[in-house]
Amino acid sequence: GVDKSKVKFYRHEDCHKAYGIFSSP
């Protein structure tokens, strides 16, 4: 029941980058 105004799509490669940076201990 989540409205489309609350949904966003992010570039595949950018998701990899963010995960790599922010997952670092």
mmCIF file of all heavy atoms, coordinates in Angstrom:
data_MODEL
# 
_entry.id   MODEL 
# 
loop_
_atom_site.group_PDB 
_atom_site.id 
_atom_site.type_symbol 
_atom_site.label_atom_id 
_atom_site.label_alt_id 
_atom_site.label_comp_id 
_atom_site.label_asym_id 
_atom_site.label_entity_id 
_atom_site.label_seq_id 
_atom_site.pdbx_PDB_ins_code 
_atom_site.Cartn_x 
_atom_site.Cartn_y 
_atom_site.Cartn_z 
_atom_site.occupancy 
_atom_site.B_iso_or_equiv 
_atom_site.pdbx_formal_charge 
_atom_site.auth_seq_id 
_atom_site.auth_comp_id 
_atom_site.auth_asym_id 
_atom_site.auth_atom_id 
_atom_site.pdbx_PDB_model_num 
ATOM 1   N N   . GLY A 1 1  ? 0.801  -1.217 0.000   1.00 0.00 ? 1  GLY A N   1 
ATOM 2   C CA  . GLY A 1 1  ? 0.000  0.000  0.000   1.00 0.00 ? 1  GLY A CA  1 
ATOM 3   C C   . GLY A 1 1  ? 0.833  1.265  0.000   1.00 0.00 ? 1  GLY A C   1 
ATOM 4   O O   . GLY A 1 1  ? 0.335  2.346  0.330   1.00 0.00 ? 1  GLY A O   1 
ATOM 5   N N   . VAL A 1 2  ? 2.129  1.153  -0.377  1.00 0.00 ? 2  VAL A N   1 
ATOM 6   C CA  . VAL A 1 2  ? 3.020  2.308  -0.395  1.00 0.00 ? 2  VAL A CA  1 
ATOM 7   C C   . VAL A 1 2  ? 2.813  3.096  -1.687  1.00 0.00 ? 2  VAL A C   1 
ATOM 8   O O   . VAL A 1 2  ? 2.892  2.539  -2.788  1.00 0.00 ? 2  VAL A O   1 
ATOM 9   C CB  . VAL A 1 2  ? 4.492  1.868  -0.260  1.00 0.00 ? 2  VAL A CB  1 
ATOM 10  C CG1 . VAL A 1 2  ? 5.422  3.067  -0.399  1.00 0.00 ? 2  VAL A CG1 1 
ATOM 11  C CG2 . VAL A 1 2  ? 4.725  1.183  1.072   1.00 0.00 ? 2  VAL A CG2 1 
ATOM 12  N N   . ASP A 1 3  ? 2.574  4.389  -1.547  1.00 0.00 ? 3  ASP A N   1 
ATOM 13  C CA  . ASP A 1 3  ? 2.336  5.231  -2.717  1.00 0.00 ? 3  ASP A CA  1 
ATOM 14  C C   . ASP A 1 3  ? 3.624  5.471  -3.487  1.00 0.00 ? 3  ASP A C   1 
ATOM 15  O O   . ASP A 1 3  ? 4.720  5.508  -2.910  1.00 0.00 ? 3  ASP A O   1 
ATOM 16  C CB  . ASP A 1 3  ? 1.758  6.573  -2.278  1.00 0.00 ? 3  ASP A CB  1 
ATOM 17  C CG  . ASP A 1 3  ? 1.314  7.414  -3.464  1.00 0.00 ? 3  ASP A CG  1 
ATOM 18  O OD1 . ASP A 1 3  ? 0.272  7.094  -4.071  1.00 0.00 ? 3  ASP A OD1 1 
ATOM 19  O OD2 . ASP A 1 3  ? 2.037  8.392  -3.793  1.00 0.00 ? 3  ASP A OD2 1 
ATOM 20  N N   . LYS A 1 4  ? 3.481  5.676  -4.794  1.00 0.00 ? 4  LYS A N   1 
ATOM 21  C CA  . LYS A 1 4  ? 4.659  5.845  -5.647  1.00 0.00 ? 4  LYS A CA  1 
ATOM 22  C C   . LYS A 1 4  ? 5.475  7.079  -5.286  1.00 0.00 ? 4  LYS A C   1 
ATOM 23  O O   . LYS A 1 4  ? 6.663  7.164  -5.619  1.00 0.00 ? 4  LYS A O   1 
ATOM 24  C CB  . LYS A 1 4  ? 4.261  5.881  -7.117  1.00 0.00 ? 4  LYS A CB  1 
ATOM 25  C CG  . LYS A 1 4  ? 3.417  7.088  -7.522  1.00 0.00 ? 4  LYS A CG  1 
ATOM 26  C CD  . LYS A 1 4  ? 3.083  7.009  -9.008  1.00 0.00 ? 4  LYS A CD  1 
ATOM 27  C CE  . LYS A 1 4  ? 2.277  8.208  -9.458  1.00 0.00 ? 4  LYS A CE  1 
ATOM 28  N NZ  . LYS A 1 4  ? 1.953  8.133  -10.908 1.00 0.00 ? 4  LYS A NZ  1 
ATOM 29  N N   . SER A 1 5  ? 4.879  8.041  -4.598  1.00 0.00 ? 5  SER A N   1 
ATOM 30  C CA  . SER A 1 5  ? 5.621  9.236  -4.194  1.00 0.00 ? 5  SER A CA  1 
ATOM 31  C C   . SER A 1 5  ? 6.708  8.918  -3.171  1.00 0.00 ? 5  SER A C   1 
ATOM 32  O O   . SER A 1 5  ? 7.626  9.714  -2.961  1.00 0.00 ? 5  SER A O   1 
ATOM 33  C CB  . SER A 1 5  ? 4.663  10.280 -3.616  1.00 0.00 ? 5  SER A CB  1 
ATOM 34  O OG  . SER A 1 5  ? 4.039  9.784  -2.429  1.00 0.00 ? 5  SER A OG  1 
ATOM 35  N N   . LYS A 1 6  ? 6.610  7.771  -2.537  1.00 0.00 ? 6  LYS A N   1 
ATOM 36  C CA  . LYS A 1 6  ? 7.603  7.358  -1.537  1.00 0.00 ? 6  LYS A CA  1 
ATOM 37  C C   . LYS A 1 6  ? 8.655  6.406  -2.106  1.00 0.00 ? 6  LYS A C   1 
ATOM 38  O O   . LYS A 1 6  ? 9.487  5.892  -1.369  1.00 0.00 ? 6  LYS A O   1 
ATOM 39  C CB  . LYS A 1 6  ? 6.905  6.664  -0.367  1.00 0.00 ? 6  LYS A CB  1 
ATOM 40  C CG  . LYS A 1 6  ? 6.027  7.574  0.473   1.00 0.00 ? 6  LYS A CG  1 
ATOM 41  C CD  . LYS A 1 6  ? 5.464  6.811  1.667   1.00 0.00 ? 6  LYS A CD  1 
ATOM 42  C CE  . LYS A 1 6  ? 4.666  7.719  2.584   1.00 0.00 ? 6  LYS A CE  1 
ATOM 43  N NZ  . LYS A 1 6  ? 4.162  6.993  3.760   1.00 0.00 ? 6  LYS A NZ  1 
ATOM 44  N N   . VAL A 1 7  ? 8.604  6.166  -3.412  1.00 0.00 ? 7  VAL A N   1 
ATOM 45  C CA  . VAL A 1 7  ? 9.489  5.178  -4.025  1.00 0.00 ? 7  VAL A CA  1 
ATOM 46  C C   . VAL A 1 7  ? 10.509 5.871  -4.923  1.00 0.00 ? 7  VAL A C   1 
ATOM 47  O O   . VAL A 1 7  ? 10.166 6.760  -5.701  1.00 0.00 ? 7  VAL A O   1 
ATOM 48  C CB  . VAL A 1 7  ? 8.686  4.148  -4.855  1.00 0.00 ? 7  VAL A CB  1 
ATOM 49  C CG1 . VAL A 1 7  ? 9.618  3.076  -5.427  1.00 0.00 ? 7  VAL A CG1 1 
ATOM 50  C CG2 . VAL A 1 7  ? 7.597  3.509  -3.998  1.00 0.00 ? 7  VAL A CG2 1 
ATOM 51  N N   . LYS A 1 8  ? 11.768 5.458  -4.807  1.00 0.00 ? 8  LYS A N   1 
ATOM 52  C CA  . LYS A 1 8  ? 12.807 6.014  -5.672  1.00 0.00 ? 8  LYS A CA  1 
ATOM 53  C C   . LYS A 1 8  ? 13.698 4.891  -6.181  1.00 0.00 ? 8  LYS A C   1 
ATOM 54  O O   . LYS A 1 8  ? 13.883 3.867  -5.505  1.00 0.00 ? 8  LYS A O   1 
ATOM 55  C CB  . LYS A 1 8  ? 13.638 7.055  -4.915  1.00 0.00 ? 8  LYS A CB  1 
ATOM 56  C CG  . LYS A 1 8  ? 14.533 7.876  -5.833  1.00 0.00 ? 8  LYS A CG  1 
ATOM 57  C CD  . LYS A 1 8  ? 14.969 9.169  -5.190  1.00 0.00 ? 8  LYS A CD  1 
ATOM 58  C CE  . LYS A 1 8  ? 15.783 9.999  -6.182  1.00 0.00 ? 8  LYS A CE  1 
ATOM 59  N NZ  . LYS A 1 8  ? 16.212 11.288 -5.622  1.00 0.00 ? 8  LYS A NZ  1 
ATOM 60  N N   . PHE A 1 9  ? 14.290 5.114  -7.356  1.00 0.00 ? 9  PHE A N   1 
ATOM 61  C CA  . PHE A 1 9  ? 15.129 4.108  -8.001  1.00 0.00 ? 9  PHE A CA  1 
ATOM 62  C C   . PHE A 1 9  ? 16.551 4.645  -8.129  1.00 0.00 ? 9  PHE A C   1 
ATOM 63  O O   . PHE A 1 9  ? 16.752 5.785  -8.526  1.00 0.00 ? 9  PHE A O   1 
ATOM 64  C CB  . PHE A 1 9  ? 14.569 3.757  -9.380  1.00 0.00 ? 9  PHE A CB  1 
ATOM 65  C CG  . PHE A 1 9  ? 13.124 3.350  -9.343  1.00 0.00 ? 9  PHE A CG  1 
ATOM 66  C CD1 . PHE A 1 9  ? 12.114 4.277  -9.555  1.00 0.00 ? 9  PHE A CD1 1 
ATOM 67  C CD2 . PHE A 1 9  ? 12.776 2.038  -9.069  1.00 0.00 ? 9  PHE A CD2 1 
ATOM 68  C CE1 . PHE A 1 9  ? 10.781 3.912  -9.499  1.00 0.00 ? 9  PHE A CE1 1 
ATOM 69  C CE2 . PHE A 1 9  ? 11.443 1.658  -9.014  1.00 0.00 ? 9  PHE A CE2 1 
ATOM 70  C CZ  . PHE A 1 9  ? 10.442 2.592  -9.224  1.00 0.00 ? 9  PHE A CZ  1 
ATOM 71  N N   . TYR A 1 10 ? 17.520 3.799  -7.806  1.00 0.00 ? 10 TYR A N   1 
ATOM 72  C CA  . TYR A 1 10 ? 18.923 4.215  -7.817  1.00 0.00 ? 10 TYR A CA  1 
ATOM 73  C C   . TYR A 1 10 ? 19.733 3.348  -8.788  1.00 0.00 ? 10 TYR A C   1 
ATOM 74  O O   . TYR A 1 10 ? 19.488 2.146  -8.907  1.00 0.00 ? 10 TYR A O   1 
ATOM 75  C CB  . TYR A 1 10 ? 19.517 4.112  -6.408  1.00 0.00 ? 10 TYR A CB  1 
ATOM 76  C CG  . TYR A 1 10 ? 18.908 5.110  -5.461  1.00 0.00 ? 10 TYR A CG  1 
ATOM 77  C CD1 . TYR A 1 10 ? 17.785 4.782  -4.708  1.00 0.00 ? 10 TYR A CD1 1 
ATOM 78  C CD2 . TYR A 1 10 ? 19.424 6.397  -5.352  1.00 0.00 ? 10 TYR A CD2 1 
ATOM 79  C CE1 . TYR A 1 10 ? 17.204 5.703  -3.854  1.00 0.00 ? 10 TYR A CE1 1 
ATOM 80  C CE2 . TYR A 1 10 ? 18.846 7.334  -4.493  1.00 0.00 ? 10 TYR A CE2 1 
ATOM 81  C CZ  . TYR A 1 10 ? 17.739 6.973  -3.756  1.00 0.00 ? 10 TYR A CZ  1 
ATOM 82  O OH  . TYR A 1 10 ? 17.158 7.898  -2.916  1.00 0.00 ? 10 TYR A OH  1 
ATOM 83  N N   . ARG A 1 11 ? 20.667 4.002  -9.452  1.00 0.00 ? 11 ARG A N   1 
ATOM 84  C CA  . ARG A 1 11 ? 21.518 3.325  -10.426 1.00 0.00 ? 11 ARG A CA  1 
ATOM 85  C C   . ARG A 1 11 ? 22.240 2.136  -9.784  1.00 0.00 ? 11 ARG A C   1 
ATOM 86  O O   . ARG A 1 11 ? 22.782 2.230  -8.688  1.00 0.00 ? 11 ARG A O   1 
ATOM 87  C CB  . ARG A 1 11 ? 22.524 4.325  -10.992 1.00 0.00 ? 11 ARG A CB  1 
ATOM 88  C CG  . ARG A 1 11 ? 23.489 3.771  -12.019 1.00 0.00 ? 11 ARG A CG  1 
ATOM 89  C CD  . ARG A 1 11 ? 24.374 4.894  -12.543 1.00 0.00 ? 11 ARG A CD  1 
ATOM 90  N NE  . ARG A 1 11 ? 25.439 4.434  -13.423 1.00 0.00 ? 11 ARG A NE  1 
ATOM 91  C CZ  . ARG A 1 11 ? 26.722 4.667  -13.217 1.00 0.00 ? 11 ARG A CZ  1 
ATOM 92  N NH1 . ARG A 1 11 ? 27.119 5.351  -12.136 1.00 0.00 ? 11 ARG A NH1 1 
ATOM 93  N NH2 . ARG A 1 11 ? 27.644 4.249  -14.069 1.00 0.00 ? 11 ARG A NH2 1 
ATOM 94  N N   . HIS A 1 12 ? 22.252 1.026  -10.494 1.00 0.00 ? 12 HIS A N   1 
ATOM 95  C CA  . HIS A 1 12 ? 22.854 -0.220 -10.036 1.00 0.00 ? 12 HIS A CA  1 
ATOM 96  C C   . HIS A 1 12 ? 24.282 -0.013 -9.525  1.00 0.00 ? 12 HIS A C   1 
ATOM 97  O O   . HIS A 1 12 ? 24.630 -0.398 -8.401  1.00 0.00 ? 12 HIS A O   1 
ATOM 98  C CB  . HIS A 1 12 ? 22.834 -1.212 -11.210 1.00 0.00 ? 12 HIS A CB  1 
ATOM 99  C CG  . HIS A 1 12 ? 23.388 -2.560 -10.937 1.00 0.00 ? 12 HIS A CG  1 
ATOM 100 N ND1 . HIS A 1 12 ? 22.612 -3.699 -10.892 1.00 0.00 ? 12 HIS A ND1 1 
ATOM 101 C CD2 . HIS A 1 12 ? 24.666 -2.985 -10.721 1.00 0.00 ? 12 HIS A CD2 1 
ATOM 102 C CE1 . HIS A 1 12 ? 23.375 -4.747 -10.662 1.00 0.00 ? 12 HIS A CE1 1 
ATOM 103 N NE2 . HIS A 1 12 ? 24.627 -4.345 -10.556 1.00 0.00 ? 12 HIS A NE2 1 
ATOM 104 N N   . GLU A 1 13 ? 25.101 0.631  -10.350 1.00 0.00 ? 13 GLU A N   1 
ATOM 105 C CA  . GLU A 1 13 ? 26.506 0.829  -9.993  1.00 0.00 ? 13 GLU A CA  1 
ATOM 106 C C   . GLU A 1 13 ? 26.667 1.714  -8.760  1.00 0.00 ? 13 GLU A C   1 
ATOM 107 O O   . GLU A 1 13 ? 27.565 1.496  -7.930  1.00 0.00 ? 13 GLU A O   1 
ATOM 108 C CB  . GLU A 1 13 ? 27.273 1.441  -11.171 1.00 0.00 ? 13 GLU A CB  1 
ATOM 109 C CG  . GLU A 1 13 ? 27.387 0.543  -12.386 1.00 0.00 ? 13 GLU A CG  1 
ATOM 110 C CD  . GLU A 1 13 ? 26.194 0.612  -13.327 1.00 0.00 ? 13 GLU A CD  1 
ATOM 111 O OE1 . GLU A 1 13 ? 25.107 1.064  -12.916 1.00 0.00 ? 13 GLU A OE1 1 
ATOM 112 O OE2 . GLU A 1 13 ? 26.338 0.212  -14.495 1.00 0.00 ? 13 GLU A OE2 1 
ATOM 113 N N   . ASP A 1 14 ? 25.805 2.719  -8.630  1.00 0.00 ? 14 ASP A N   1 
ATOM 114 C CA  . ASP A 1 14 ? 25.878 3.613  -7.478  1.00 0.00 ? 14 ASP A CA  1 
ATOM 115 C C   . ASP A 1 14 ? 25.517 2.878  -6.188  1.00 0.00 ? 14 ASP A C   1 
ATOM 116 O O   . ASP A 1 14 ? 26.043 3.202  -5.115  1.00 0.00 ? 14 ASP A O   1 
ATOM 117 C CB  . ASP A 1 14 ? 24.970 4.821  -7.685  1.00 0.00 ? 14 ASP A CB  1 
ATOM 118 C CG  . ASP A 1 14 ? 25.441 5.718  -8.819  1.00 0.00 ? 14 ASP A CG  1 
ATOM 119 O OD1 . ASP A 1 14 ? 26.639 5.633  -9.185  1.00 0.00 ? 14 ASP A OD1 1 
ATOM 120 O OD2 . ASP A 1 14 ? 24.624 6.491  -9.351  1.00 0.00 ? 14 ASP A OD2 1 
ATOM 121 N N   . CYS A 1 15 ? 24.617 1.911  -6.297  1.00 0.00 ? 15 CYS A N   1 
ATOM 122 C CA  . CYS A 1 15 ? 24.271 1.091  -5.126  1.00 0.00 ? 15 CYS A CA  1 
ATOM 123 C C   . CYS A 1 15 ? 25.482 0.269  -4.680  1.00 0.00 ? 15 CYS A C   1 
ATOM 124 O O   . CYS A 1 15 ? 25.739 0.130  -3.473  1.00 0.00 ? 15 CYS A O   1 
ATOM 125 C CB  . CYS A 1 15 ? 23.104 0.172  -5.450  1.00 0.00 ? 15 CYS A CB  1 
ATOM 126 S SG  . CYS A 1 15 ? 21.557 1.045  -5.789  1.00 0.00 ? 15 CYS A SG  1 
ATOM 127 N N   . HIS A 1 16 ? 26.226 -0.269 -5.637  1.00 0.00 ? 16 HIS A N   1 
ATOM 128 C CA  . HIS A 1 16 ? 27.456 -0.998 -5.299  1.00 0.00 ? 16 HIS A CA  1 
ATOM 129 C C   . HIS A 1 16 ? 28.448 -0.080 -4.578  1.00 0.00 ? 16 HIS A C   1 
ATOM 130 O O   . HIS A 1 16 ? 29.062 -0.467 -3.578  1.00 0.00 ? 16 HIS A O   1 
ATOM 131 C CB  . HIS A 1 16 ? 28.119 -1.538 -6.570  1.00 0.00 ? 16 HIS A CB  1 
ATOM 132 C CG  . HIS A 1 16 ? 27.579 -2.849 -7.042  1.00 0.00 ? 16 HIS A CG  1 
ATOM 133 N ND1 . HIS A 1 16 ? 27.311 -3.902 -6.200  1.00 0.00 ? 16 HIS A ND1 1 
ATOM 134 C CD2 . HIS A 1 16 ? 27.290 -3.298 -8.303  1.00 0.00 ? 16 HIS A CD2 1 
ATOM 135 C CE1 . HIS A 1 16 ? 26.857 -4.936 -6.906  1.00 0.00 ? 16 HIS A CE1 1 
ATOM 136 N NE2 . HIS A 1 16 ? 26.837 -4.587 -8.178  1.00 0.00 ? 16 HIS A NE2 1 
ATOM 137 N N   . LYS A 1 17 ? 28.595 1.137  -5.099  1.00 0.00 ? 17 LYS A N   1 
ATOM 138 C CA  . LYS A 1 17 ? 29.564 2.068  -4.496  1.00 0.00 ? 17 LYS A CA  1 
ATOM 139 C C   . LYS A 1 17 ? 29.174 2.422  -3.068  1.00 0.00 ? 17 LYS A C   1 
ATOM 140 O O   . LYS A 1 17 ? 30.016 2.419  -2.160  1.00 0.00 ? 17 LYS A O   1 
ATOM 141 C CB  . LYS A 1 17 ? 29.650 3.347  -5.334  1.00 0.00 ? 17 LYS A CB  1 
ATOM 142 C CG  . LYS A 1 17 ? 30.183 3.155  -6.740  1.00 0.00 ? 17 LYS A CG  1 
ATOM 143 C CD  . LYS A 1 17 ? 30.094 4.483  -7.483  1.00 0.00 ? 17 LYS A CD  1 
ATOM 144 C CE  . LYS A 1 17 ? 30.163 4.284  -8.978  1.00 0.00 ? 17 LYS A CE  1 
ATOM 145 N NZ  . LYS A 1 17 ? 29.972 5.557  -9.705  1.00 0.00 ? 17 LYS A NZ  1 
ATOM 146 N N   . ALA A 1 18 ? 27.902 2.754  -2.874  1.00 0.00 ? 18 ALA A N   1 
ATOM 147 C CA  . ALA A 1 18 ? 27.438 3.140  -1.541  1.00 0.00 ? 18 ALA A CA  1 
ATOM 148 C C   . ALA A 1 18 ? 27.590 1.995  -0.565  1.00 0.00 ? 18 ALA A C   1 
ATOM 149 O O   . ALA A 1 18 ? 28.023 2.191  0.585   1.00 0.00 ? 18 ALA A O   1 
ATOM 150 C CB  . ALA A 1 18 ? 25.983 3.596  -1.614  1.00 0.00 ? 18 ALA A CB  1 
ATOM 151 N N   . TYR A 1 19 ? 27.245 0.789  -1.018  1.00 0.00 ? 19 TYR A N   1 
ATOM 152 C CA  . TYR A 1 19 ? 27.398 -0.363 -0.133  1.00 0.00 ? 19 TYR A CA  1 
ATOM 153 C C   . TYR A 1 19 ? 28.867 -0.549 0.243   1.00 0.00 ? 19 TYR A C   1 
ATOM 154 O O   . TYR A 1 19 ? 29.196 -0.799 1.405   1.00 0.00 ? 19 TYR A O   1 
ATOM 155 C CB  . TYR A 1 19 ? 26.866 -1.631 -0.802  1.00 0.00 ? 19 TYR A CB  1 
ATOM 156 C CG  . TYR A 1 19 ? 27.070 -2.854 0.067   1.00 0.00 ? 19 TYR A CG  1 
ATOM 157 C CD1 . TYR A 1 19 ? 26.243 -3.092 1.163   1.00 0.00 ? 19 TYR A CD1 1 
ATOM 158 C CD2 . TYR A 1 19 ? 28.095 -3.760 -0.188  1.00 0.00 ? 19 TYR A CD2 1 
ATOM 159 C CE1 . TYR A 1 19 ? 26.438 -4.191 1.977   1.00 0.00 ? 19 TYR A CE1 1 
ATOM 160 C CE2 . TYR A 1 19 ? 28.297 -4.854 0.626   1.00 0.00 ? 19 TYR A CE2 1 
ATOM 161 C CZ  . TYR A 1 19 ? 27.461 -5.069 1.708   1.00 0.00 ? 19 TYR A CZ  1 
ATOM 162 O OH  . TYR A 1 19 ? 27.673 -6.159 2.518   1.00 0.00 ? 19 TYR A OH  1 
ATOM 163 N N   . GLY A 1 20 ? 29.749 -0.431 -0.744  1.00 0.00 ? 20 GLY A N   1 
ATOM 164 C CA  . GLY A 1 20 ? 31.169 -0.620 -0.469  1.00 0.00 ? 20 GLY A CA  1 
ATOM 165 C C   . GLY A 1 20 ? 31.701 0.372  0.539   1.00 0.00 ? 20 GLY A C   1 
ATOM 166 O O   . GLY A 1 20 ? 32.405 0.004  1.496   1.00 0.00 ? 20 GLY A O   1 
ATOM 167 N N   . ILE A 1 21 ? 31.368 1.653  0.379   1.00 0.00 ? 21 ILE A N   1 
ATOM 168 C CA  . ILE A 1 21 ? 31.877 2.699  1.271   1.00 0.00 ? 21 ILE A CA  1 
ATOM 169 C C   . ILE A 1 21 ? 31.285 2.579  2.671   1.00 0.00 ? 21 ILE A C   1 
ATOM 170 O O   . ILE A 1 21 ? 31.998 2.567  3.686   1.00 0.00 ? 21 ILE A O   1 
ATOM 171 C CB  . ILE A 1 21 ? 31.576 4.098  0.688   1.00 0.00 ? 21 ILE A CB  1 
ATOM 172 C CG1 . ILE A 1 21 ? 32.498 4.391  -0.502  1.00 0.00 ? 21 ILE A CG1 1 
ATOM 173 C CG2 . ILE A 1 21 ? 31.715 5.185  1.764   1.00 0.00 ? 21 ILE A CG2 1 
ATOM 174 C CD1 . ILE A 1 21 ? 33.963 4.587  -0.139  1.00 0.00 ? 21 ILE A CD1 1 
ATOM 175 N N   . PHE A 1 22 ? 29.965 2.484  2.759   1.00 0.00 ? 22 PHE A N   1 
ATOM 176 C CA  . PHE A 1 22 ? 29.306 2.579  4.066   1.00 0.00 ? 22 PHE A CA  1 
ATOM 177 C C   . PHE A 1 22 ? 29.320 1.268  4.853   1.00 0.00 ? 22 PHE A C   1 
ATOM 178 O O   . PHE A 1 22 ? 29.048 1.275  6.054   1.00 0.00 ? 22 PHE A O   1 
ATOM 179 C CB  . PHE A 1 22 ? 27.873 3.094  3.900   1.00 0.00 ? 22 PHE A CB  1 
ATOM 180 C CG  . PHE A 1 22 ? 27.799 4.469  3.313   1.00 0.00 ? 22 PHE A CG  1 
ATOM 181 C CD1 . PHE A 1 22 ? 26.966 4.752  2.234   1.00 0.00 ? 22 PHE A CD1 1 
ATOM 182 C CD2 . PHE A 1 22 ? 28.577 5.499  3.825   1.00 0.00 ? 22 PHE A CD2 1 
ATOM 183 C CE1 . PHE A 1 22 ? 26.901 6.025  1.695   1.00 0.00 ? 22 PHE A CE1 1 
ATOM 184 C CE2 . PHE A 1 22 ? 28.523 6.785  3.287   1.00 0.00 ? 22 PHE A CE2 1 
ATOM 185 C CZ  . PHE A 1 22 ? 27.686 7.047  2.215   1.00 0.00 ? 22 PHE A CZ  1 
ATOM 186 N N   . SER A 1 23 ? 29.645 0.162  4.181   1.00 0.00 ? 23 SER A N   1 
ATOM 187 C CA  . SER A 1 23 ? 29.743 -1.110 4.919   1.00 0.00 ? 23 SER A CA  1 
ATOM 188 C C   . SER A 1 23 ? 31.104 -1.277 5.577   1.00 0.00 ? 23 SER A C   1 
ATOM 189 O O   . SER A 1 23 ? 31.293 -2.178 6.397   1.00 0.00 ? 23 SER A O   1 
ATOM 190 C CB  . SER A 1 23 ? 29.477 -2.298 3.975   1.00 0.00 ? 23 SER A CB  1 
ATOM 191 O OG  . SER A 1 23 ? 30.509 -2.404 2.996   1.00 0.00 ? 23 SER A OG  1 
ATOM 192 N N   . SER A 1 24 ? 32.061 -0.417 5.241   1.00 0.00 ? 24 SER A N   1 
ATOM 193 C CA  . SER A 1 24 ? 33.414 -0.547 5.779   1.00 0.00 ? 24 SER A CA  1 
ATOM 194 C C   . SER A 1 24 ? 33.426 -0.345 7.294   1.00 0.00 ? 24 SER A C   1 
ATOM 195 O O   . SER A 1 24 ? 32.860 0.632  7.796   1.00 0.00 ? 24 SER A O   1 
ATOM 196 C CB  . SER A 1 24 ? 34.340 0.484  5.126   1.00 0.00 ? 24 SER A CB  1 
ATOM 197 O OG  . SER A 1 24 ? 35.587 0.531  5.807   1.00 0.00 ? 24 SER A OG  1 
ATOM 198 N N   . PRO A 1 25 ? 34.072 -1.241 8.018   1.00 0.00 ? 25 PRO A N   1 
ATOM 199 C CA  . PRO A 1 25 ? 34.183 -1.058 9.473   1.00 0.00 ? 25 PRO A CA  1 
ATOM 200 C C   . PRO A 1 25 ? 35.048 0.146  9.840   1.00 0.00 ? 25 PRO A C   1 
ATOM 201 O O   . PRO A 1 25 ? 34.904 0.711  10.915  1.00 0.00 ? 25 PRO A O   1 
ATOM 202 C CB  . PRO A 1 25 ? 34.817 -2.367 9.948   1.00 0.00 ? 25 PRO A CB  1 
ATOM 203 C CG  . PRO A 1 25 ? 35.497 -2.927 8.751   1.00 0.00 ? 25 PRO A CG  1 
ATOM 204 C CD  . PRO A 1 25 ? 34.689 -2.498 7.567   1.00 0.00 ? 25 PRO A CD  1 
# 
